[in-house]
Amino acid sequence: MAAKKDADNKTKELRERLLTQSKHGSLRVDEETVTAAGEYCEGYKRFLDTGKTEREAAAEAVRLAEEKGFVPFERGKKYEAGAKVYYLNREKAVILAVIGTEPVEKGVLISAAHIDSPRLDLKPRPLYEADDLAYFKTHYYGGIKKYQWTTVPLSLHGVVCLADGSKVTVNIGESPEDPQFCVTDLLIHLASEQMGRKASDVIRGENLNLLIGSMPLRDDEGGDSVKLNIMRILNEKYGIVEDDFLSAELEAVPAMPARDIGFDRSLIGAYGHDDRVCAYPSLTALLELDAPEKTCVVCLADKEETGSDGNTGLNSSYLKYFIHDLAEMQGGCGRAALSASRCLSADVNAAYDPNFADVYEKRNASVINGGVVLTKYTGARGKGGTSDASAEYVAACRGIFDEENVVWQIGELGRVDAGGGGTVAMYIANLDVDVVDIGVPVLSMHAPYEIVSKLDVYMTHCAISAFFRKG
């Protein structure tokens, strides 16, 4: 009997030592950590509600940074170890850094996330009237299922830049007293033809028109008095005329606030998890630093959802220029600094959804409450459009996470031939930087309302914090 028990113990020890353990993430930490995750996510929910567009998220990041002593970066100025600086790029992207004790030329540690999300953008000439109803024409931004954006309460955010150089900020639909907007859909009783279409055509792009009013201007005899009445309201509130839409950036986004999901409050439902759910942990990890050994940098980028092009996307050079400026401030070489740098490309992964199991390869899928996801490669089908991190760098990140008791998992973006996705990793890899993707698994990604786990959000913060300390 004793011999059998001893053999069983040896087998159990062998299993634990050699095989991957698939214990629920919440059971791999103590109750205090679960509580800490819930408390941490209260700040995250506020960040989501405050920053529903890339401009608002960048502004909120700067505000939080300034509270921690960060100041605008001045090119050519010499900064000592412990200095905290930020660079705001065209109000739509921001880089923040804490200067380390080591020379920048020896490499910096970067966490890069994006702060833009799928949405409906107003066209340059958006305002029109049709049969006594007023609408805004939109052009959707990023990859969406168009039918998901009908019958959802929407708010309007952005700026209108006037010909005289002044700028008007717009934020309508978030306060309880504000009006909201929506895209209408066809009633089920008349939708037999519509319901027979492919899902991609159930709602077509040109049907995503924002309903904004129905009351005509009294005593007006023109054919577009509802449109005129809307323009009168906008002129009285914002001082704009119709031609000012030509130089506006106005975005329609879901008006719902971030809320706890589930009886156990373990999840968060909100618009914009992709990718502010990685931007916020990157930011908070940096704000905790005082005088790290290596200079630590957080880049919150724009335009990822449309390919990272443009001068606020990471296919631009502003991150490279910033690292060069930091190195040259110390008399070092920017190219050498980049080649010696390491980066976590902080972006979301597709959480395994049992309702749609056929598009996942379960052994290699990330799961809700499994912790932060390490994604060696993204891309589509034959790894197209990915940097594919080296085994050496993945091992280095594994070692950091394990040493710091970070709950983490590995993950892919679905079955090999099911599709895929991309992140900013390949643009940072193009700078000769070691980079791997990490982030939060998300349910209903790119929908107006996405779902994440509080534990996974907190573990992403812990992972990036550990990287800044140990990387």
Protein backbone atom coordinates (compact mmCIF):
# COMPACT_ATOMS: atom_id res chain seq x y z
CA MET A 1 0.00 0.00 0.00
CA ALA A 2 2.80 2.39 0.95
CA ALA A 3 4.63 1.54 -2.27
CA LYS A 4 1.55 2.36 -4.37
CA LYS A 5 1.06 5.70 -2.58
CA ASP A 6 4.71 6.55 -3.15
CA ALA A 7 4.39 5.69 -6.85
CA ASP A 8 1.23 7.81 -7.14
CA ASN A 9 3.02 10.76 -5.53
CA LYS A 10 5.92 10.41 -7.95
CA THR A 11 3.53 10.31 -10.91
CA LYS A 12 1.72 13.41 -9.61
CA GLU A 13 5.04 15.23 -9.16
CA LEU A 14 6.08 14.21 -12.67
CA ARG A 15 2.79 15.44 -14.12
CA GLU A 16 3.05 18.80 -12.35
CA ARG A 17 6.69 19.23 -13.39
CA LEU A 18 6.41 18.19 -17.04
CA LEU A 19 2.88 19.04 -18.24
CA THR A 20 1.07 22.33 -18.65
CA GLN A 21 -1.33 23.00 -15.79
CA SER A 22 -4.72 24.37 -16.93
CA LYS A 23 -6.09 25.71 -13.68
CA HIS A 24 -8.64 28.57 -13.78
CA GLY A 25 -6.79 31.87 -13.45
CA SER A 26 -8.68 33.00 -10.37
CA LEU A 27 -7.63 29.79 -8.59
CA ARG A 28 -3.98 30.47 -9.33
CA VAL A 29 -4.01 33.64 -7.21
CA ASP A 30 -5.22 34.48 -3.71
CA GLU A 31 -8.44 36.28 -2.88
CA GLU A 32 -6.55 39.51 -2.22
CA THR A 33 -5.36 39.54 -5.83
CA VAL A 34 -8.91 39.02 -7.13
CA THR A 35 -10.04 41.95 -4.95
CA ALA A 36 -7.14 44.08 -6.20
CA ALA A 37 -8.16 43.29 -9.79
CA GLY A 38 -11.69 44.54 -9.11
CA GLU A 39 -10.43 47.74 -7.52
CA TYR A 40 -7.96 48.36 -10.35
CA CYS A 41 -10.70 48.00 -12.95
CA GLU A 42 -12.77 50.81 -11.42
CA GLY A 43 -10.11 53.19 -12.72
CA TYR A 44 -10.11 51.39 -16.04
CA LYS A 45 -13.87 51.82 -16.43
CA ARG A 46 -13.52 55.55 -15.78
CA PHE A 47 -10.80 55.71 -18.42
CA LEU A 48 -13.08 53.99 -20.93
CA ASP A 49 -15.99 56.33 -20.27
CA THR A 50 -13.78 59.42 -20.45
CA GLY A 51 -11.82 58.41 -23.56
CA LYS A 52 -14.18 57.04 -26.19
CA THR A 53 -12.11 58.41 -29.08
CA GLU A 54 -8.37 58.53 -29.73
CA ARG A 55 -8.33 62.28 -28.98
CA GLU A 56 -10.15 61.85 -25.68
CA ALA A 57 -8.04 58.85 -24.65
CA ALA A 58 -4.82 60.74 -25.42
CA ALA A 59 -6.04 63.75 -23.46
CA GLU A 60 -6.99 61.58 -20.48
CA ALA A 61 -3.61 59.83 -20.58
CA VAL A 62 -1.88 63.21 -20.49
CA ARG A 63 -4.07 64.37 -17.62
CA LEU A 64 -3.30 61.28 -15.56
CA ALA A 65 0.41 61.60 -16.39
CA GLU A 66 0.56 65.25 -15.39
CA GLU A 67 -0.96 64.34 -12.04
CA LYS A 68 2.09 62.07 -11.57
CA GLY A 69 4.58 64.80 -12.48
CA PHE A 70 5.06 64.20 -16.22
CA VAL A 71 5.95 67.26 -18.30
CA PRO A 72 5.99 67.91 -22.06
CA PHE A 73 9.13 66.61 -23.74
CA GLU A 74 11.51 69.25 -25.11
CA ARG A 75 13.82 68.08 -27.86
CA GLY A 76 17.45 68.91 -27.08
CA LYS A 77 16.90 69.30 -23.35
CA LYS A 78 18.96 67.02 -21.11
CA TYR A 79 16.90 64.93 -18.70
CA GLU A 80 18.28 63.16 -15.66
CA ALA A 81 17.36 59.69 -14.42
CA GLY A 82 13.84 59.68 -13.00
CA ALA A 83 12.59 62.47 -15.27
CA LYS A 84 9.05 61.90 -16.55
CA VAL A 85 8.12 63.30 -19.96
CA TYR A 86 5.44 62.97 -22.63
CA TYR A 87 5.02 63.91 -26.28
CA LEU A 88 1.51 64.52 -27.63
CA ASN A 89 1.33 63.88 -31.37
CA ARG A 90 -1.41 65.93 -33.02
CA GLU A 91 -3.72 65.30 -30.05
CA LYS A 92 -4.38 61.73 -31.28
CA ALA A 93 -1.35 59.75 -30.08
CA VAL A 94 0.95 60.12 -27.10
CA ILE A 95 4.37 58.82 -26.05
CA LEU A 96 5.35 58.84 -22.38
CA ALA A 97 8.73 57.98 -20.86
CA VAL A 98 10.50 57.66 -17.52
CA ILE A 99 14.25 58.16 -17.94
CA GLY A 100 16.33 55.30 -16.52
CA THR A 101 19.69 55.17 -14.81
CA GLU A 102 21.31 53.31 -17.73
CA PRO A 103 22.24 55.15 -20.95
CA VAL A 104 19.43 55.13 -23.50
CA GLU A 105 21.89 53.79 -26.07
CA LYS A 106 21.84 50.47 -24.18
CA GLY A 107 18.18 50.08 -25.11
CA VAL A 108 14.79 51.08 -23.79
CA LEU A 109 11.74 49.06 -22.74
CA ILE A 110 8.60 49.87 -24.75
CA SER A 111 4.95 49.02 -24.28
CA ALA A 112 2.90 50.02 -27.32
CA ALA A 113 -0.89 49.95 -27.55
CA HIS A 114 -3.46 51.69 -29.72
CA ILE A 115 -6.27 53.95 -28.56
CA ASP A 116 -8.47 54.03 -31.67
CA SER A 117 -11.45 51.68 -31.98
CA PRO A 118 -14.01 50.78 -34.68
CA ARG A 119 -16.68 53.45 -35.05
CA LEU A 120 -18.77 55.47 -37.52
CA ASP A 121 -17.07 58.61 -38.88
CA LEU A 122 -19.09 61.45 -40.40
CA LYS A 123 -18.45 62.05 -44.10
CA PRO A 124 -17.13 65.48 -45.19
CA ARG A 125 -20.63 66.49 -46.34
CA PRO A 126 -22.74 64.52 -43.85
CA LEU A 127 -25.94 66.51 -43.31
CA TYR A 128 -29.00 65.76 -45.43
CA GLU A 129 -32.79 65.49 -45.23
CA ALA A 130 -34.93 62.67 -46.64
CA ASP A 131 -38.73 62.70 -46.37
CA ASP A 132 -38.81 65.02 -43.35
CA LEU A 133 -36.08 63.19 -41.42
CA ALA A 134 -32.56 64.58 -40.94
CA TYR A 135 -29.48 62.36 -41.11
CA PHE A 136 -25.70 62.34 -41.00
CA LYS A 137 -23.95 60.21 -43.64
CA THR A 138 -21.17 58.07 -42.15
CA HIS A 139 -18.18 56.05 -43.30
CA TYR A 140 -17.36 53.19 -40.96
CA TYR A 141 -13.85 53.07 -39.49
CA GLY A 142 -12.10 49.74 -38.96
CA GLY A 143 -13.46 46.22 -39.31
CA ILE A 144 -17.07 45.94 -38.17
CA LYS A 145 -20.13 43.77 -38.62
CA LYS A 146 -22.31 46.54 -39.99
CA TYR A 147 -25.58 45.04 -38.75
CA GLN A 148 -24.36 45.33 -35.14
CA TRP A 149 -24.38 49.13 -35.36
CA THR A 150 -28.10 49.54 -35.96
CA THR A 151 -30.58 50.33 -33.16
CA VAL A 152 -27.72 51.08 -30.75
CA PRO A 153 -27.72 54.40 -28.84
CA LEU A 154 -24.84 56.48 -30.20
CA SER A 155 -23.09 59.63 -29.04
CA LEU A 156 -21.15 62.12 -31.16
CA HIS A 157 -17.57 63.06 -30.29
CA GLY A 158 -14.85 65.05 -32.00
CA VAL A 159 -13.75 68.44 -33.20
CA VAL A 160 -14.83 70.97 -35.81
CA CYS A 161 -12.01 73.17 -37.06
CA LEU A 162 -13.21 76.52 -38.41
CA ALA A 163 -11.76 78.51 -41.28
CA ASP A 164 -10.42 81.15 -38.87
CA GLY A 165 -8.23 78.57 -37.15
CA SER A 166 -10.39 78.11 -34.05
CA LYS A 167 -11.58 74.68 -32.96
CA VAL A 168 -14.86 73.52 -31.44
CA THR A 169 -15.00 70.37 -29.29
CA VAL A 170 -18.13 68.22 -29.59
CA ASN A 171 -19.34 65.65 -27.05
CA ILE A 172 -23.07 64.95 -27.28
CA GLY A 173 -24.90 61.93 -25.91
CA GLU A 174 -22.94 60.92 -22.80
CA SER A 175 -24.65 63.10 -20.20
CA PRO A 176 -28.15 62.06 -19.03
CA GLU A 177 -29.61 65.33 -20.29
CA ASP A 178 -28.06 65.00 -23.77
CA PRO A 179 -29.90 63.71 -26.84
CA GLN A 180 -28.54 60.57 -28.48
CA PHE A 181 -28.54 59.25 -32.03
CA CYS A 182 -28.96 55.92 -33.79
CA VAL A 183 -28.94 54.04 -37.09
CA THR A 184 -32.38 52.57 -37.79
CA ASP A 185 -33.09 49.05 -39.03
CA LEU A 186 -35.93 47.50 -40.99
CA LEU A 187 -38.79 46.01 -38.99
CA ILE A 188 -38.90 42.21 -39.03
CA HIS A 189 -42.38 42.23 -40.61
CA LEU A 190 -40.99 43.72 -43.86
CA ALA A 191 -37.52 42.19 -43.79
CA SER A 192 -37.94 38.94 -45.70
CA GLU A 193 -35.65 40.07 -48.54
CA GLN A 194 -33.16 41.61 -46.13
CA MET A 195 -33.00 38.46 -44.00
CA GLY A 196 -32.09 36.43 -47.07
CA ARG A 197 -28.92 38.42 -47.73
CA LYS A 198 -25.42 37.45 -46.63
CA ALA A 199 -24.57 38.81 -43.17
CA SER A 200 -22.10 41.27 -44.74
CA ASP A 201 -24.96 42.77 -46.79
CA VAL A 202 -27.80 42.74 -44.27
CA ILE A 203 -26.88 46.37 -43.61
CA ARG A 204 -24.82 48.05 -46.33
CA GLY A 205 -22.30 50.78 -45.72
CA GLU A 206 -24.47 53.48 -47.24
CA ASN A 207 -27.33 52.46 -44.92
CA LEU A 208 -25.34 53.46 -41.83
CA ASN A 209 -26.98 56.86 -41.68
CA LEU A 210 -27.31 58.53 -38.31
CA LEU A 211 -30.82 59.74 -37.46
CA ILE A 212 -30.45 63.23 -35.95
CA GLY A 213 -33.83 64.95 -36.07
CA SER A 214 -37.34 65.29 -37.46
CA MET A 215 -38.72 68.76 -36.65
CA PRO A 216 -38.94 71.39 -39.44
CA LEU A 217 -38.16 75.06 -38.89
CA ARG A 218 -41.45 76.89 -38.47
CA ASP A 219 -42.48 79.38 -41.16
CA ASP A 220 -39.83 78.06 -43.55
CA GLU A 221 -41.05 77.31 -47.06
CA GLY A 222 -37.92 75.54 -48.29
CA GLY A 223 -37.75 71.86 -49.15
CA ASP A 224 -35.25 71.01 -46.42
CA SER A 225 -36.59 72.77 -43.36
CA VAL A 226 -35.71 69.87 -41.02
CA LYS A 227 -32.08 70.07 -42.16
CA LEU A 228 -32.19 73.85 -41.71
CA ASN A 229 -33.56 73.48 -38.20
CA ILE A 230 -30.74 71.06 -37.27
CA MET A 231 -28.19 73.48 -38.67
CA ARG A 232 -29.79 76.32 -36.68
CA ILE A 233 -29.40 74.31 -33.46
CA LEU A 234 -25.76 73.51 -34.24
CA ASN A 235 -25.02 77.11 -35.14
CA GLU A 236 -26.52 78.40 -31.91
CA LYS A 237 -24.64 75.86 -29.77
CA TYR A 238 -21.30 75.69 -31.59
CA GLY A 239 -21.20 78.66 -33.96
CA ILE A 240 -20.69 76.44 -37.01
CA VAL A 241 -22.14 76.46 -40.53
CA GLU A 242 -22.57 73.54 -42.90
CA ASP A 243 -19.27 74.12 -44.71
CA ASP A 244 -17.43 73.63 -41.40
CA PHE A 245 -18.11 69.89 -41.62
CA LEU A 246 -15.47 69.85 -44.37
CA SER A 247 -12.78 70.35 -41.72
CA ALA A 248 -14.31 68.29 -38.92
CA GLU A 249 -13.47 64.97 -37.30
CA LEU A 250 -16.72 63.74 -35.78
CA GLU A 251 -17.17 60.15 -34.62
CA ALA A 252 -20.34 58.31 -33.64
CA VAL A 253 -19.62 55.79 -30.87
CA PRO A 254 -21.81 53.67 -28.58
CA ALA A 255 -23.27 55.77 -25.77
CA MET A 256 -23.39 52.96 -23.20
CA PRO A 257 -21.10 53.33 -20.17
CA ALA A 258 -18.74 50.59 -19.02
CA ARG A 259 -20.57 48.22 -16.67
CA ASP A 260 -19.89 45.08 -14.66
CA ILE A 261 -21.19 41.92 -16.34
CA GLY A 262 -22.41 38.81 -14.56
CA PHE A 263 -23.86 38.08 -11.14
CA ASP A 264 -20.31 37.72 -9.83
CA ARG A 265 -19.20 41.04 -11.42
CA SER A 266 -16.14 39.31 -12.82
CA LEU A 267 -16.45 40.82 -16.32
CA ILE A 268 -16.66 44.29 -17.87
CA GLY A 269 -18.89 45.16 -20.80
CA ALA A 270 -18.02 48.32 -22.73
CA TYR A 271 -17.26 49.92 -26.06
CA GLY A 272 -13.58 50.30 -26.92
CA HIS A 273 -11.87 47.47 -25.03
CA ASP A 274 -9.92 46.95 -28.27
CA ASP A 275 -7.45 48.35 -27.50
CA ARG A 276 -7.86 50.72 -24.58
CA VAL A 277 -7.91 47.60 -22.39
CA CYS A 278 -4.16 47.34 -23.12
CA ALA A 279 -3.49 51.08 -23.32
CA TYR A 280 -4.64 51.68 -19.74
CA PRO A 281 -2.48 48.92 -18.15
CA SER A 282 0.50 50.19 -20.17
CA LEU A 283 -0.10 53.70 -18.88
CA THR A 284 -0.64 52.75 -15.24
CA ALA A 285 2.44 50.52 -15.24
CA LEU A 286 4.54 53.49 -16.38
CA LEU A 287 2.94 55.94 -13.95
CA GLU A 288 4.08 53.72 -11.05
CA LEU A 289 7.77 54.01 -12.00
CA ASP A 290 10.23 56.37 -10.34
CA ALA A 291 13.82 55.72 -11.47
CA PRO A 292 13.98 52.44 -13.42
CA GLU A 293 17.24 50.92 -14.57
CA LYS A 294 16.33 51.15 -18.25
CA THR A 295 14.36 54.02 -19.75
CA CYS A 296 10.74 52.91 -20.06
CA VAL A 297 8.46 54.14 -22.83
CA VAL A 298 4.72 53.81 -23.46
CA CYS A 299 3.37 54.60 -26.90
CA LEU A 300 -0.40 55.02 -27.27
CA ALA A 301 -1.00 55.08 -31.01
CA ASP A 302 -3.77 55.96 -33.42
CA LYS A 303 -4.91 54.37 -36.71
CA GLU A 304 -4.25 50.71 -35.86
CA GLU A 305 -7.76 49.73 -36.90
CA THR A 306 -7.09 50.99 -40.44
CA GLY A 307 -3.53 49.69 -40.86
CA SER A 308 -1.45 52.07 -38.70
CA ASP A 309 -0.86 54.43 -41.62
CA GLY A 310 -0.89 58.21 -41.25
CA ASN A 311 1.31 60.43 -39.09
CA THR A 312 -0.38 59.34 -35.86
CA GLY A 313 -0.18 55.61 -36.64
CA LEU A 314 2.81 53.43 -35.81
CA ASN A 315 3.69 52.94 -39.46
CA SER A 316 4.90 56.54 -39.12
CA SER A 317 8.27 57.54 -37.62
CA TYR A 318 7.37 59.49 -34.49
CA LEU A 319 8.27 56.68 -32.09
CA LYS A 320 11.60 56.19 -33.86
CA TYR A 321 12.29 59.93 -33.75
CA PHE A 322 11.44 60.06 -30.03
CA ILE A 323 13.88 57.24 -29.17
CA HIS A 324 16.55 58.92 -31.32
CA ASP A 325 15.99 62.20 -29.46
CA LEU A 326 16.34 60.45 -26.09
CA ALA A 327 19.61 58.80 -27.14
CA GLU A 328 21.06 61.93 -28.69
CA MET A 329 20.22 63.92 -25.56
CA GLN A 330 22.86 61.78 -23.83
CA GLY A 331 25.30 61.87 -26.73
CA GLY A 332 24.31 58.35 -27.81
CA CYS A 333 23.19 56.74 -31.07
CA GLY A 334 19.49 56.36 -31.74
CA ARG A 335 19.97 53.42 -34.08
CA ALA A 336 21.98 51.56 -31.44
CA ALA A 337 19.29 52.34 -28.84
CA LEU A 338 16.54 50.84 -30.98
CA SER A 339 18.54 47.72 -31.83
CA ALA A 340 19.09 47.08 -28.11
CA SER A 341 15.45 47.76 -27.16
CA ARG A 342 12.65 45.40 -26.24
CA CYS A 343 8.93 45.90 -26.70
CA LEU A 344 5.61 44.46 -25.62
CA SER A 345 3.07 45.13 -28.35
CA ALA A 346 0.04 45.36 -26.07
CA ASP A 347 -3.04 44.38 -28.04
CA VAL A 348 -6.04 42.14 -27.48
CA ASN A 349 -6.54 38.54 -28.51
CA ALA A 350 -9.69 36.61 -29.41
CA ALA A 351 -11.05 34.88 -26.32
CA TYR A 352 -12.38 31.37 -26.87
CA ASP A 353 -16.18 31.53 -27.16
CA PRO A 354 -18.00 28.19 -26.64
CA ASN A 355 -20.91 29.52 -28.72
CA PHE A 356 -18.64 29.64 -31.79
CA ALA A 357 -16.15 26.89 -31.00
CA ASP A 358 -15.65 25.82 -34.62
CA VAL A 359 -13.47 28.85 -35.53
CA TYR A 360 -11.03 28.27 -32.66
CA GLU A 361 -8.32 25.68 -32.16
CA LYS A 362 -8.99 25.19 -28.48
CA ARG A 363 -5.54 23.97 -27.44
CA ASN A 364 -4.02 27.25 -28.67
CA ALA A 365 -6.85 29.67 -27.94
CA SER A 366 -6.80 32.22 -25.14
CA VAL A 367 -9.57 32.01 -22.57
CA ILE A 368 -11.40 34.43 -20.30
CA ASN A 369 -9.81 34.47 -16.82
CA GLY A 370 -6.68 32.75 -18.15
CA GLY A 371 -4.59 35.85 -17.51
CA VAL A 372 -2.66 38.06 -19.90
CA VAL A 373 -2.19 36.46 -23.34
CA LEU A 374 1.25 36.11 -24.88
CA THR A 375 0.81 35.90 -28.67
CA LYS A 376 3.96 34.82 -30.52
CA TYR A 377 2.48 35.72 -33.90
CA THR A 378 -0.76 37.11 -35.28
CA GLY A 379 -1.37 37.56 -39.00
CA ALA A 380 -3.83 35.82 -41.29
CA ARG A 381 -3.64 32.25 -42.51
CA GLY A 382 0.04 31.66 -43.44
CA LYS A 383 1.21 34.10 -40.74
CA GLY A 384 0.80 36.97 -43.22
CA GLY A 385 1.27 40.42 -41.71
CA THR A 386 3.05 39.45 -38.51
CA SER A 387 6.51 39.80 -36.99
CA ASP A 388 6.57 36.33 -35.30
CA ALA A 389 8.62 36.86 -32.14
CA SER A 390 11.77 34.81 -31.67
CA ALA A 391 11.83 31.84 -29.32
CA GLU A 392 14.59 33.57 -27.33
CA TYR A 393 12.48 36.66 -26.69
CA VAL A 394 9.38 34.65 -25.83
CA ALA A 395 11.46 32.70 -23.32
CA ALA A 396 12.72 35.95 -21.78
CA CYS A 397 9.15 37.21 -21.32
CA ARG A 398 8.05 33.85 -19.90
CA GLY A 399 10.82 34.05 -17.35
CA ILE A 400 9.81 37.56 -16.24
CA PHE A 401 6.14 36.68 -15.90
CA ASP A 402 6.81 33.47 -14.00
CA GLU A 403 9.31 35.15 -11.67
CA GLU A 404 6.79 37.90 -10.86
CA ASN A 405 3.85 35.48 -10.43
CA VAL A 406 1.91 36.92 -13.35
CA VAL A 407 -0.98 34.73 -14.50
CA TRP A 408 -0.45 34.35 -18.25
CA GLN A 409 -1.40 32.12 -21.16
CA ILE A 410 -0.48 31.57 -24.79
CA GLY A 411 -2.93 32.30 -27.60
CA GLU A 412 -3.57 32.45 -31.32
CA LEU A 413 -6.23 34.37 -33.26
CA GLY A 414 -8.43 31.42 -34.23
CA ARG A 415 -7.97 28.42 -36.52
CA VAL A 416 -5.24 28.64 -39.13
CA ASP A 417 -7.58 29.12 -42.10
CA ALA A 418 -10.37 30.90 -40.22
CA GLY A 419 -8.93 34.39 -40.56
CA GLY A 420 -6.62 36.29 -38.25
CA GLY A 421 -5.66 39.81 -37.36
CA GLY A 422 -2.80 42.23 -36.97
CA THR A 423 -1.21 44.52 -34.42
CA VAL A 424 1.44 47.23 -34.35
CA ALA A 425 4.14 44.63 -33.57
CA MET A 426 5.40 44.39 -37.14
CA TYR A 427 5.99 48.14 -37.39
CA ILE A 428 8.06 48.13 -34.21
CA ALA A 429 9.91 45.03 -35.39
CA ASN A 430 10.78 46.98 -38.54
CA LEU A 431 12.83 49.29 -36.28
CA ASP A 432 15.06 46.31 -35.32
CA VAL A 433 13.39 46.00 -31.92
CA ASP A 434 12.60 42.66 -30.25
CA VAL A 435 8.82 42.59 -29.89
CA VAL A 436 6.05 40.19 -28.91
CA ASP A 437 2.32 40.67 -28.50
CA ILE A 438 0.66 40.49 -25.10
CA GLY A 439 -2.80 41.57 -24.07
CA VAL A 440 -6.29 40.83 -22.85
CA PRO A 441 -8.58 38.16 -24.34
CA VAL A 442 -11.84 39.74 -25.56
CA LEU A 443 -15.30 38.34 -26.30
CA SER A 444 -17.29 40.02 -29.12
CA MET A 445 -14.21 41.89 -30.36
CA HIS A 446 -14.98 44.87 -32.66
CA ALA A 447 -18.64 44.87 -31.62
CA PRO A 448 -20.23 48.00 -30.14
CA TYR A 449 -20.16 46.19 -26.78
CA GLU A 450 -17.17 43.97 -25.94
CA ILE A 451 -16.49 41.79 -22.88
CA VAL A 452 -13.28 41.29 -20.87
CA SER A 453 -12.33 39.76 -17.53
CA LYS A 454 -11.23 41.98 -14.66
CA LEU A 455 -8.54 39.48 -13.69
CA ASP A 456 -7.12 39.50 -17.23
CA VAL A 457 -7.02 43.31 -17.30
CA TYR A 458 -5.19 43.42 -13.98
CA MET A 459 -2.75 40.71 -15.01
CA THR A 460 -1.92 42.73 -18.13
CA HIS A 461 -1.02 45.64 -15.85
CA CYS A 462 1.08 43.28 -13.69
CA ALA A 463 2.84 41.84 -16.76
CA ILE A 464 3.82 45.24 -18.13
CA SER A 465 4.91 46.42 -14.68
CA ALA A 466 7.12 43.33 -14.35
CA PHE A 467 8.55 43.95 -17.83
CA PHE A 468 9.49 47.52 -16.91
CA ARG A 469 11.19 46.31 -13.72
CA LYS A 470 12.92 43.21 -15.08
CA GLY A 471 13.10 43.55 -18.86
